[in-house]
Amino acid sequence: MIYFMETNTDKELFLKLRNGNEPAFEELFNKYYASLCLFALQFLHDHAMAEEIVQGIFVKIWSKRKQLEIGSSVKNYLFFSVRNQCFNLLEHEKVEKRHVRQNLSAPTDQPDPDSCFLEIGLMQRIEQSISLLPEKRREIFMLSRQHGLKYHEIAVRLNISIKTVEAQMGLALKQLREMLKDYRDLM
């Protein structure tokens, strides 16, 4: 007679993890860690950063396990979390590089502290506003603005029509303009 070890479903593991069950957390970690790292590597092209992102996601899951609600599948939640963290990191690096370029080409005069605070507030508000876009609209916006993809490239990548990409970009820009109207004079 052969006995098969019954494996927990992801949902069962997550429910146990929410109650502080460390073996359930370890099982979930071991099940997805490698594939999540490979997924992150596609965006970051840096093994250490990919691992850091994935480890950070699991640390966040453990530390916020009691408040965490996962509506979709656990697997989808993990992959979307990694993707979003990668996008956030890439956007942050892009902003830092732009700042470095601006600072290198800027005159040597001391910057006005008030304008620095306004600029930091504006950048935070922009990031916050982008994060409030509906998920698919945010993904299309980020692929266009952050990754520089053309509308037809986005349509192919996401398996949607170019018209859908155009419509979602129009809605994203309209929504962002509305959310950032207080900063219109600064921009």
Protein backbone atom coordinates (compact mmCIF):
# COMPACT_ATOMS: atom_id res chain seq x y z
CA MET A 1 0.00 0.00 0.00
CA ILE A 2 1.35 3.42 -1.00
CA TYR A 3 0.56 6.47 1.06
CA PHE A 4 0.63 9.88 -0.52
CA MET A 5 1.41 12.88 1.58
CA GLU A 6 -1.48 15.28 1.29
CA THR A 7 -0.26 18.69 0.26
CA ASN A 8 -2.02 21.82 1.36
CA THR A 9 -3.61 24.08 -1.19
CA ASP A 10 -2.27 27.61 -1.36
CA LYS A 11 -5.46 28.94 0.24
CA GLU A 12 -5.12 26.49 3.15
CA LEU A 13 -1.47 27.45 3.57
CA PHE A 14 -2.39 31.12 3.59
CA LEU A 15 -5.09 30.60 6.21
CA LYS A 16 -2.62 28.72 8.42
CA LEU A 17 0.02 31.40 7.81
CA ARG A 18 -2.47 34.09 8.93
CA ASN A 19 -2.70 32.28 12.25
CA GLY A 20 1.09 32.38 12.66
CA ASN A 21 1.86 28.88 11.41
CA GLU A 22 5.54 29.08 10.44
CA PRO A 23 5.68 25.69 8.63
CA ALA A 24 2.83 26.86 6.37
CA PHE A 25 4.75 30.07 5.65
CA GLU A 26 7.89 28.06 4.87
CA GLU A 27 5.97 25.72 2.57
CA LEU A 28 4.50 28.66 0.65
CA PHE A 29 7.93 30.32 0.52
CA ASN A 30 9.64 27.17 -0.75
CA LYS A 31 6.89 26.54 -3.29
CA TYR A 32 7.12 29.96 -4.98
CA TYR A 33 10.48 31.53 -4.12
CA ALA A 34 12.45 30.30 -7.16
CA SER A 35 9.74 31.05 -9.73
CA LEU A 36 9.11 34.50 -8.23
CA CYS A 37 12.84 35.28 -8.40
CA LEU A 38 12.92 34.26 -12.07
CA PHE A 39 9.85 36.40 -12.70
CA ALA A 40 11.45 39.43 -11.00
CA LEU A 41 14.66 38.82 -12.92
CA GLN A 42 12.78 39.39 -16.19
CA PHE A 43 12.12 42.97 -15.10
CA LEU A 44 15.27 43.80 -13.16
CA HIS A 45 18.04 41.82 -14.90
CA ASP A 46 19.82 41.62 -11.56
CA HIS A 47 19.78 38.41 -9.50
CA ALA A 48 20.47 40.09 -6.15
CA MET A 49 17.75 42.71 -6.64
CA ALA A 50 15.26 40.06 -7.81
CA GLU A 51 15.90 38.01 -4.68
CA GLU A 52 15.66 41.11 -2.50
CA ILE A 53 12.28 42.01 -3.98
CA VAL A 54 10.90 38.48 -3.46
CA GLN A 55 12.26 38.24 0.07
CA GLY A 56 10.74 41.63 0.83
CA ILE A 57 7.34 40.45 -0.39
CA PHE A 58 7.49 37.41 1.91
CA VAL A 59 8.65 39.53 4.86
CA LYS A 60 5.73 41.88 4.24
CA ILE A 61 3.31 38.94 4.03
CA TRP A 62 4.54 37.55 7.33
CA SER A 63 4.54 40.90 9.13
CA LYS A 64 1.07 41.89 7.85
CA ARG A 65 -0.42 38.39 7.80
CA LYS A 66 -3.27 39.22 10.19
CA GLN A 67 -4.50 42.19 8.13
CA LEU A 68 -3.78 40.72 4.70
CA GLU A 69 -6.76 39.83 2.55
CA ILE A 70 -6.16 37.96 -0.69
CA GLY A 71 -9.17 38.06 -2.98
CA SER A 72 -7.64 36.26 -5.93
CA SER A 73 -5.47 33.20 -5.76
CA VAL A 74 -2.40 33.29 -3.53
CA LYS A 75 -0.21 32.59 -6.56
CA ASN A 76 -1.68 35.56 -8.46
CA TYR A 77 -1.26 37.76 -5.41
CA LEU A 78 2.42 36.82 -5.12
CA PHE A 79 3.19 37.38 -8.79
CA PHE A 80 1.30 40.69 -8.94
CA SER A 81 3.08 41.85 -5.77
CA VAL A 82 6.47 41.03 -7.24
CA ARG A 83 5.61 42.71 -10.54
CA ASN A 84 4.40 45.86 -8.80
CA GLN A 85 7.49 46.01 -6.57
CA CYS A 86 9.71 45.63 -9.65
CA PHE A 87 7.83 48.45 -11.41
CA ASN A 88 8.13 50.63 -8.31
CA LEU A 89 11.86 49.96 -8.05
CA LEU A 90 12.45 50.67 -11.73
CA GLU A 91 10.45 53.88 -11.52
CA HIS A 92 12.37 54.94 -8.42
CA GLU A 93 15.69 54.27 -10.18
CA LYS A 94 14.52 56.23 -13.20
CA VAL A 95 13.65 59.22 -11.00
CA GLU A 96 17.01 58.98 -9.22
CA LYS A 97 18.91 58.91 -12.54
CA ARG A 98 16.96 61.91 -13.76
CA HIS A 99 17.82 63.74 -10.52
CA VAL A 100 21.50 62.89 -10.87
CA ARG A 101 21.53 64.14 -14.47
CA GLN A 102 19.75 67.33 -13.47
CA ASN A 103 22.09 67.92 -10.54
CA LEU A 104 25.17 67.37 -12.70
CA SER A 105 23.95 69.84 -15.29
CA ALA A 106 22.50 72.35 -12.80
CA PRO A 107 24.37 75.49 -11.84
CA THR A 108 26.44 75.23 -8.67
CA ASP A 109 24.17 77.64 -6.77
CA GLN A 110 22.46 76.17 -3.74
CA PRO A 111 18.95 74.95 -4.58
CA ASP A 112 16.00 76.72 -3.04
CA PRO A 113 14.87 74.48 -0.14
CA ASP A 114 11.21 75.37 -0.71
CA SER A 115 11.32 74.20 -4.32
CA CYS A 116 13.01 70.94 -3.27
CA PHE A 117 10.20 70.19 -0.81
CA LEU A 118 7.60 71.03 -3.46
CA GLU A 119 9.34 68.79 -5.99
CA ILE A 120 9.56 65.89 -3.52
CA GLY A 121 5.90 66.37 -2.63
CA LEU A 122 4.98 66.44 -6.30
CA MET A 123 6.93 63.24 -7.04
CA GLN A 124 5.28 61.48 -4.10
CA ARG A 125 1.87 62.71 -5.21
CA ILE A 126 2.52 61.50 -8.78
CA GLU A 127 3.58 58.06 -7.54
CA GLN A 128 0.56 57.90 -5.25
CA SER A 129 -1.77 58.98 -8.06
CA ILE A 130 -0.37 56.33 -10.40
CA SER A 131 -0.82 53.67 -7.72
CA LEU A 132 -4.52 54.65 -7.44
CA LEU A 133 -5.21 53.93 -11.11
CA PRO A 134 -7.17 50.73 -11.77
CA GLU A 135 -4.77 47.80 -12.10
CA LYS A 136 -4.97 47.24 -15.88
CA ARG A 137 -4.92 50.97 -16.61
CA ARG A 138 -1.86 51.39 -14.35
CA GLU A 139 -0.12 48.49 -16.12
CA ILE A 140 -0.76 50.05 -19.54
CA PHE A 141 0.37 53.47 -18.29
CA MET A 142 3.58 52.08 -16.78
CA LEU A 143 4.42 50.07 -19.92
CA SER A 144 4.03 53.22 -21.98
CA ARG A 145 5.64 55.81 -19.73
CA GLN A 146 8.15 53.78 -17.75
CA HIS A 147 9.22 51.18 -20.28
CA GLY A 148 8.73 53.38 -23.35
CA LEU A 149 6.63 50.83 -25.21
CA LYS A 150 4.53 51.98 -28.14
CA TYR A 151 0.79 51.38 -28.07
CA HIS A 152 0.95 48.50 -30.54
CA GLU A 153 3.72 46.84 -28.47
CA ILE A 154 1.58 47.13 -25.33
CA ALA A 155 -1.40 45.70 -27.20
CA VAL A 156 0.65 42.69 -28.30
CA ARG A 157 2.19 42.15 -24.86
CA LEU A 158 -1.16 42.30 -23.05
CA ASN A 159 -3.15 40.62 -25.83
CA ILE A 160 -5.60 43.52 -26.17
CA SER A 161 -6.50 45.85 -29.04
CA ILE A 162 -4.62 49.06 -29.78
CA LYS A 163 -7.92 50.93 -29.34
CA THR A 164 -8.16 49.56 -25.80
CA VAL A 165 -4.61 50.76 -25.08
CA GLU A 166 -5.41 54.21 -26.50
CA ALA A 167 -8.64 54.45 -24.50
CA GLN A 168 -6.99 53.32 -21.25
CA MET A 169 -4.08 55.74 -21.73
CA GLY A 170 -6.54 58.58 -22.35
CA LEU A 171 -8.45 57.68 -19.20
CA ALA A 172 -5.23 57.32 -17.18
CA LEU A 173 -3.99 60.76 -18.26
CA LYS A 174 -7.37 62.34 -17.56
CA GLN A 175 -7.51 60.71 -14.13
CA LEU A 176 -3.93 61.76 -13.30
CA ARG A 177 -4.60 65.34 -14.43
CA GLU A 178 -7.60 65.44 -12.13
CA MET A 179 -5.71 63.98 -9.16
CA LEU A 180 -2.77 66.34 -9.70
CA LYS A 181 -4.74 69.53 -10.45
CA ASP A 182 -3.39 71.17 -7.25
CA TYR A 183 0.13 70.88 -8.69
CA ARG A 184 -0.72 72.11 -12.21
CA ASP A 185 1.09 75.45 -11.74
CA LEU A 186 4.30 73.69 -10.64
CA MET A 187 4.28 71.37 -13.64
